[in-house]
Amino acid sequence: MSSIAIIGQGGMARAHARAWTEIGLGSAIRYVCAPTPGSPLEHAPVARFVTDLDVVLRDPDVDIVSVCTPTPTHADIGIRSLMAGKNVLLEKPIALTIRDAVAIRDVASQSAGMLMVAHVVRFFGGYRALREQVGAVGTVLSARAQRVSAVPGPSSWWHDESKSGGVLVDFSIHDFDQLNLFLGRPRSASARRLRPDGPMEVSVDYEGGGAGQAVGFMGMPDGFSFASSLELLGSRGLADHHYAGAPGAAAPAANDTIRLVTADRNENRLVDTGNPYARQAEYFLDCVRNGSDPEFCPTDSAILALAVSLAARESLASGHPVPIAAD
């Protein structure tokens, strides 16, 4: 591998730069690319700032492109980067529409480069531990997820739902991805919100009778860091994961636990709270170096999570259940 380019200069760009640095590749970040000049990224000390994506794509030394831009740009930047033969780590959600998501996937299938959609929650220690031990609970019958944060800060695009998709598409998509992992193929989504400033509750029905529920809320006061949970009920037991950040912490890692309860086991333990963005970067780098598909984060799963998000958003607007179609 020769070098890396980070497209974007916001919070996710900083997270990716830090991740590449933590795995020893900070000096390999050759470019930071954004439409308007900005401050250098702390963890990209030797990067050149450019405003023209073509400068990056024409450089044969750039092997990996981290796309950390607003969601409406993902299709254009992702497709152009893949067509240039670059290996693309694309921030979630993959796109704002299924049509764009499928277009990205189709170009990736023909590209010399590799695509991985950065569903980073798959790399969080607690979620990985649940995935590794799920066999102990038997067939998963239901899954309940919750994701809660403070009100997002000022943004030129996030608060415009036509650009971000809002809470259900940009935030709760992590939980829909987890529900899909444990319950399989989603059939329909029903969403409700009992008050305009309250949490969004989504029920997802699955083929085979599995039941999923996700609660998403980004209305907590300043100083509330972040909290999430995932609870699995299986035919032989239950398992759950709870995460809560330290109040006011920039990088919350205060409490990360997993519990497993069956007829013969009752375990409750802390799990690894290392930087999941670094784990994600290292996994993608290994895939690139080995020429292996990123099976831990397949593109079809990213599209399916988007399909649930879009169905939930449509249900919230209509008040009716919405069938889920990923293609």
Protein backbone atom coordinates (compact mmCIF):
# COMPACT_ATOMS: atom_id res chain seq x y z
CA MET A 1 0.00 0.00 0.00
CA SER A 2 1.28 3.46 -0.91
CA SER A 3 -1.02 6.15 0.50
CA ILE A 4 -4.44 7.19 1.75
CA ALA A 5 -6.76 10.07 0.92
CA ILE A 6 -9.48 11.32 3.25
CA ILE A 7 -12.41 12.97 1.53
CA GLY A 8 -14.09 15.38 3.93
CA GLN A 9 -12.96 17.49 6.87
CA GLY A 10 -15.70 17.06 9.48
CA GLY A 11 -16.06 14.82 12.52
CA MET A 12 -15.98 11.56 10.59
CA ALA A 13 -12.91 12.65 8.64
CA ARG A 14 -11.17 13.30 11.95
CA ALA A 15 -12.27 9.90 13.25
CA HIS A 16 -10.86 8.17 10.17
CA ALA A 17 -7.59 10.12 10.34
CA ARG A 18 -7.17 9.15 13.99
CA ALA A 19 -7.93 5.51 13.14
CA TRP A 20 -5.34 5.36 10.37
CA THR A 21 -2.83 6.96 12.74
CA GLU A 22 -3.56 4.48 15.53
CA ILE A 23 -2.71 1.58 13.22
CA GLY A 24 0.54 3.28 12.21
CA LEU A 25 -0.46 4.94 8.93
CA GLY A 26 -0.81 8.61 9.86
CA SER A 27 2.14 9.57 7.69
CA ALA A 28 0.56 7.64 4.78
CA ILE A 29 -2.38 10.05 4.62
CA ARG A 30 -1.36 11.89 1.48
CA TYR A 31 -4.43 14.08 0.90
CA VAL A 32 -7.35 15.65 2.68
CA CYS A 33 -9.91 16.70 0.06
CA ALA A 34 -12.92 18.97 0.63
CA PRO A 35 -14.74 21.60 -1.46
CA THR A 36 -13.46 24.51 0.62
CA PRO A 37 -10.06 24.94 2.28
CA GLY A 38 -9.96 24.12 5.96
CA SER A 39 -7.64 23.47 8.87
CA PRO A 40 -5.26 20.52 8.71
CA LEU A 41 -6.52 17.37 10.41
CA GLU A 42 -4.71 16.67 13.66
CA HIS A 43 -3.93 13.08 12.76
CA ALA A 44 -2.92 13.75 9.16
CA PRO A 45 0.27 15.74 9.76
CA VAL A 46 1.79 15.48 6.28
CA ALA A 47 -1.40 15.51 4.22
CA ARG A 48 -1.82 17.96 1.39
CA PHE A 49 -5.16 19.81 1.37
CA VAL A 50 -6.87 19.87 -2.03
CA THR A 51 -10.30 20.94 -3.22
CA ASP A 52 -10.36 18.95 -6.47
CA LEU A 53 -11.23 15.25 -6.14
CA ASP A 54 -9.67 14.56 -9.53
CA VAL A 55 -6.25 15.42 -8.07
CA VAL A 56 -6.69 12.52 -5.68
CA LEU A 57 -8.13 10.11 -8.22
CA ARG A 58 -5.39 10.78 -10.78
CA ASP A 59 -2.62 10.05 -8.27
CA PRO A 60 -1.48 6.44 -8.82
CA ASP A 61 0.07 6.33 -5.34
CA VAL A 62 -3.33 6.65 -3.64
CA ASP A 63 -4.59 3.17 -2.83
CA ILE A 64 -7.28 3.86 -0.22
CA VAL A 65 -9.92 6.56 -0.14
CA SER A 66 -11.85 7.19 3.08
CA VAL A 67 -15.09 8.91 2.06
CA CYS A 68 -16.32 10.96 5.03
CA THR A 69 -18.58 13.47 3.31
CA PRO A 70 -22.30 14.31 3.65
CA THR A 71 -24.52 11.44 2.54
CA PRO A 72 -25.87 13.09 -0.65
CA THR A 73 -22.32 13.03 -2.07
CA HIS A 74 -21.64 9.34 -1.39
CA ALA A 75 -22.88 8.01 -4.73
CA ASP A 76 -20.91 10.47 -6.86
CA ILE A 77 -17.67 10.29 -4.87
CA GLY A 78 -17.88 6.55 -4.25
CA ILE A 79 -18.56 5.71 -7.89
CA ARG A 80 -15.86 8.04 -9.23
CA SER A 81 -13.32 6.62 -6.77
CA LEU A 82 -14.18 3.02 -7.65
CA MET A 83 -14.04 3.77 -11.36
CA ALA A 84 -10.53 5.14 -10.76
CA GLY A 85 -9.57 1.78 -9.25
CA LYS A 86 -9.30 3.01 -5.65
CA ASN A 87 -10.16 0.95 -2.58
CA VAL A 88 -13.04 2.80 -0.94
CA LEU A 89 -13.98 2.88 2.73
CA LEU A 90 -17.35 4.63 2.46
CA GLU A 91 -19.07 6.09 5.51
CA LYS A 92 -22.58 4.89 6.23
CA PRO A 93 -25.30 5.21 5.15
CA ILE A 94 -24.17 3.93 1.77
CA ALA A 95 -26.50 6.45 0.05
CA LEU A 96 -29.83 8.22 0.47
CA THR A 97 -31.74 6.01 -1.98
CA ILE A 98 -31.73 2.32 -2.85
CA ARG A 99 -31.18 3.23 -6.48
CA ASP A 100 -27.93 5.05 -5.66
CA ALA A 101 -26.85 2.30 -3.27
CA VAL A 102 -27.33 -0.38 -5.94
CA ALA A 103 -25.44 1.77 -8.46
CA ILE A 104 -22.47 1.97 -6.08
CA ARG A 105 -22.57 -1.79 -5.53
CA ASP A 106 -22.73 -2.48 -9.26
CA VAL A 107 -19.75 -0.25 -10.03
CA ALA A 108 -17.80 -1.86 -7.17
CA SER A 109 -18.42 -5.30 -8.68
CA GLN A 110 -16.62 -4.19 -11.85
CA SER A 111 -13.88 -2.11 -10.20
CA ALA A 112 -10.26 -3.05 -9.65
CA GLY A 113 -10.72 -1.46 -6.24
CA MET A 114 -12.58 -2.74 -3.19
CA LEU A 115 -15.63 -1.25 -1.47
CA MET A 116 -16.51 -1.48 2.21
CA VAL A 117 -19.31 0.53 3.80
CA ALA A 118 -18.19 1.73 7.22
CA HIS A 119 -20.86 0.35 9.55
CA VAL A 120 -18.51 0.89 12.48
CA VAL A 121 -20.89 -0.44 15.15
CA ARG A 122 -20.03 -3.92 13.85
CA PHE A 123 -16.55 -3.26 15.26
CA PHE A 124 -17.65 -2.12 18.73
CA GLY A 125 -16.47 -4.60 21.36
CA GLY A 126 -19.88 -5.33 22.89
CA TYR A 127 -21.64 -5.84 19.58
CA ARG A 128 -18.86 -8.13 18.38
CA ALA A 129 -19.05 -10.12 21.62
CA LEU A 130 -22.79 -10.62 21.15
CA ARG A 131 -22.21 -11.81 17.61
CA GLU A 132 -19.58 -14.30 18.76
CA GLN A 133 -21.74 -15.78 21.54
CA VAL A 134 -25.17 -15.66 19.95
CA GLY A 135 -25.12 -19.41 19.35
CA ALA A 136 -25.47 -19.98 23.09
CA VAL A 137 -28.98 -18.47 23.14
CA GLY A 138 -30.30 -20.68 20.33
CA THR A 139 -32.57 -19.28 17.64
CA VAL A 140 -32.96 -15.52 18.08
CA LEU A 141 -36.67 -14.81 18.42
CA SER A 142 -36.57 -11.08 19.09
CA ALA A 143 -34.06 -8.25 19.26
CA ARG A 144 -34.47 -4.84 20.89
CA ALA A 145 -32.04 -1.98 20.24
CA GLN A 146 -31.76 1.54 21.61
CA ARG A 147 -29.51 4.45 20.62
CA VAL A 148 -29.59 7.79 22.45
CA SER A 149 -27.53 10.98 22.18
CA ALA A 150 -27.64 14.70 22.74
CA VAL A 151 -28.95 17.06 20.06
CA PRO A 152 -26.43 17.17 17.19
CA GLY A 153 -24.37 20.33 16.91
CA PRO A 154 -24.67 22.89 14.12
CA SER A 155 -24.27 21.42 10.65
CA SER A 156 -24.60 22.72 7.11
CA TRP A 157 -26.48 19.56 6.10
CA TRP A 158 -27.35 17.15 8.91
CA HIS A 159 -30.42 19.01 10.21
CA ASP A 160 -31.89 19.04 6.69
CA GLU A 161 -33.61 15.63 6.43
CA SER A 162 -33.61 15.84 2.64
CA LYS A 163 -29.81 15.63 2.88
CA SER A 164 -29.24 13.41 5.92
CA GLY A 165 -32.41 11.31 6.06
CA GLY A 166 -32.74 12.39 9.70
CA VAL A 167 -32.45 10.22 12.79
CA LEU A 168 -33.90 7.07 11.21
CA VAL A 169 -31.51 7.04 8.24
CA ASP A 170 -28.33 8.51 9.71
CA PHE A 171 -28.49 7.32 13.33
CA SER A 172 -30.85 4.37 13.81
CA ILE A 173 -29.46 2.64 10.72
CA HIS A 174 -26.81 1.15 13.01
CA ASP A 175 -29.52 -0.61 15.00
CA PHE A 176 -31.40 -1.75 11.90
CA ASP A 177 -28.16 -3.29 10.68
CA GLN A 178 -27.84 -5.17 13.97
CA LEU A 179 -31.46 -6.37 13.89
CA ASN A 180 -30.88 -7.69 10.37
CA LEU A 181 -27.73 -9.50 11.47
CA PHE A 182 -29.54 -11.46 14.15
CA LEU A 183 -33.04 -11.84 12.67
CA GLY A 184 -32.44 -12.21 8.93
CA ARG A 185 -34.59 -10.84 6.13
CA PRO A 186 -36.88 -7.94 7.13
CA ARG A 187 -40.42 -7.87 5.72
CA SER A 188 -41.94 -4.58 6.93
CA ALA A 189 -41.36 -1.66 9.27
CA SER A 190 -43.78 0.34 11.42
CA ALA A 191 -42.67 3.57 13.07
CA ARG A 192 -44.24 5.97 15.50
CA ARG A 193 -43.40 9.08 17.47
CA LEU A 194 -45.89 10.14 20.12
CA ARG A 195 -44.59 13.72 20.38
CA PRO A 196 -42.57 15.85 17.95
CA ASP A 197 -39.60 16.06 20.33
CA GLY A 198 -39.78 12.46 21.50
CA PRO A 199 -38.02 9.23 20.56
CA MET A 200 -38.82 7.29 17.40
CA GLU A 201 -39.92 3.70 17.94
CA VAL A 202 -39.68 1.25 15.05
CA SER A 203 -40.95 -2.33 14.90
CA VAL A 204 -39.55 -4.58 12.16
CA ASP A 205 -41.15 -7.90 11.19
CA TYR A 206 -38.89 -10.60 9.82
CA GLU A 207 -39.33 -13.66 7.65
CA GLY A 208 -39.68 -16.69 9.90
CA GLY A 209 -41.46 -14.72 12.61
CA GLY A 210 -38.60 -12.80 14.21
CA ALA A 211 -39.51 -9.48 15.83
CA GLY A 212 -37.21 -6.45 15.99
CA GLN A 213 -37.58 -3.14 17.75
CA ALA A 214 -35.38 -0.06 17.67
CA VAL A 215 -35.68 3.17 19.63
CA GLY A 216 -33.72 6.19 18.40
CA PHE A 217 -33.51 9.54 20.18
CA MET A 218 -31.22 12.52 19.62
CA GLY A 219 -32.84 14.94 22.05
CA MET A 220 -30.87 14.62 25.26
CA PRO A 221 -29.40 17.77 26.87
CA ASP A 222 -25.86 19.06 26.37
CA GLY A 223 -23.37 17.03 28.34
CA PHE A 224 -25.13 13.72 27.70
CA SER A 225 -22.48 11.74 25.87
CA PHE A 226 -24.03 8.64 24.27
CA ALA A 227 -25.77 5.41 25.25
CA SER A 228 -26.81 2.32 23.33
CA SER A 229 -28.03 -1.20 23.97
CA LEU A 230 -28.94 -4.40 22.16
CA GLU A 231 -30.98 -7.18 23.77
CA LEU A 232 -31.44 -10.64 22.21
CA LEU A 233 -34.05 -13.17 23.30
CA GLY A 234 -33.37 -16.68 22.00
CA SER A 235 -34.93 -20.10 22.22
CA ARG A 236 -32.35 -21.18 24.85
CA GLY A 237 -31.53 -17.97 26.66
CA LEU A 238 -30.87 -14.26 26.37
CA ALA A 239 -27.93 -11.96 25.83
CA ASP A 240 -27.61 -8.22 25.97
CA HIS A 241 -25.11 -5.44 25.61
CA HIS A 242 -25.24 -2.02 27.25
CA TYR A 243 -22.93 0.90 26.60
CA ALA A 244 -22.87 4.26 28.35
CA GLY A 245 -20.36 7.03 27.81
CA ALA A 246 -18.87 9.18 30.53
CA PRO A 247 -20.82 12.46 30.93
CA GLY A 248 -19.30 15.14 28.74
CA ALA A 249 -16.56 12.83 27.43
CA ALA A 250 -15.20 13.50 23.95
CA ALA A 251 -14.47 9.79 23.49
CA PRO A 252 -16.94 7.95 25.73
CA ALA A 253 -15.76 4.65 27.15
CA ALA A 254 -17.14 4.53 30.68
CA ASN A 255 -19.23 1.40 30.75
CA ASP A 256 -19.38 -1.38 28.16
CA THR A 257 -20.90 -4.63 29.39
CA ILE A 258 -22.32 -7.87 28.01
CA ARG A 259 -24.60 -10.36 29.77
CA LEU A 260 -25.37 -13.96 28.80
CA VAL A 261 -28.08 -15.97 30.59
CA THR A 262 -29.02 -19.58 29.77
CA ALA A 263 -30.16 -22.58 31.81
CA ASP A 264 -26.58 -23.29 32.86
CA ARG A 265 -24.80 -19.94 32.46
CA ASN A 266 -25.16 -16.50 34.01
CA GLU A 267 -22.32 -14.23 32.98
CA ASN A 268 -21.90 -10.47 33.18
CA ARG A 269 -18.61 -8.95 32.09
CA LEU A 270 -16.93 -5.85 30.77
CA VAL A 271 -15.76 -5.93 27.16
CA ASP A 272 -12.98 -4.24 25.22
CA THR A 273 -13.57 -0.51 24.68
CA GLY A 274 -10.76 0.09 22.19
CA ASN A 275 -11.24 2.44 19.23
CA PRO A 276 -13.68 0.69 16.85
CA TYR A 277 -12.70 3.02 14.00
CA ALA A 278 -9.14 1.72 14.27
CA ARG A 279 -10.42 -1.88 14.23
CA GLN A 280 -12.48 -1.04 11.15
CA ALA A 281 -9.51 0.55 9.37
CA GLU A 282 -7.26 -2.39 10.21
CA TYR A 283 -9.82 -4.90 8.95
CA PHE A 284 -10.29 -3.01 5.69
CA LEU A 285 -6.54 -2.71 5.24
CA ASP A 286 -6.14 -6.46 5.72
CA CYS A 287 -8.82 -7.09 3.09
CA VAL A 288 -7.06 -4.76 0.65
CA ARG A 289 -3.67 -6.34 1.26
CA ASN A 290 -5.01 -9.89 0.96
CA GLY A 291 -7.39 -9.19 -1.92
CA SER A 292 -10.23 -10.70 0.13
CA ASP A 293 -13.84 -9.52 0.18
CA PRO A 294 -14.84 -7.64 3.37
CA GLU A 295 -17.22 -10.38 4.48
CA PHE A 296 -17.65 -8.85 7.93
CA CYS A 297 -19.29 -5.80 6.29
CA PRO A 298 -20.87 -6.89 2.99
CA THR A 299 -22.33 -4.20 0.76
CA ASP A 300 -25.67 -6.01 0.49
CA SER A 301 -26.05 -5.69 4.27
CA ALA A 302 -25.48 -1.94 4.03
CA ILE A 303 -28.18 -1.73 1.36
CA LEU A 304 -30.58 -3.80 3.47
CA ALA A 305 -30.03 -1.57 6.51
CA LEU A 306 -30.77 1.45 4.33
CA ALA A 307 -33.94 -0.23 3.06
CA VAL A 308 -35.20 -0.67 6.64
CA SER A 309 -34.31 2.94 7.45
CA LEU A 310 -36.20 4.27 4.45
CA ALA A 311 -39.23 2.09 5.15
CA ALA A 312 -39.27 3.27 8.76
CA ARG A 313 -39.10 6.88 7.67
CA GLU A 314 -41.96 6.35 5.22
CA SER A 315 -44.00 4.62 7.93
CA LEU A 316 -43.44 7.50 10.34
CA ALA A 317 -44.82 9.91 7.75
CA SER A 318 -47.80 7.75 6.71
CA GLY A 319 -48.73 6.10 9.97
CA HIS A 320 -48.88 2.69 8.29
CA PRO A 321 -46.55 -0.34 8.04
CA VAL A 322 -44.30 -0.22 4.97
CA PRO A 323 -42.97 -3.29 3.09
CA ILE A 324 -39.19 -3.47 2.77
CA ALA A 325 -37.51 -3.96 -0.59
CA ALA A 326 -33.73 -3.75 -0.92
CA ASP A 327 -33.49 -3.80 -4.76
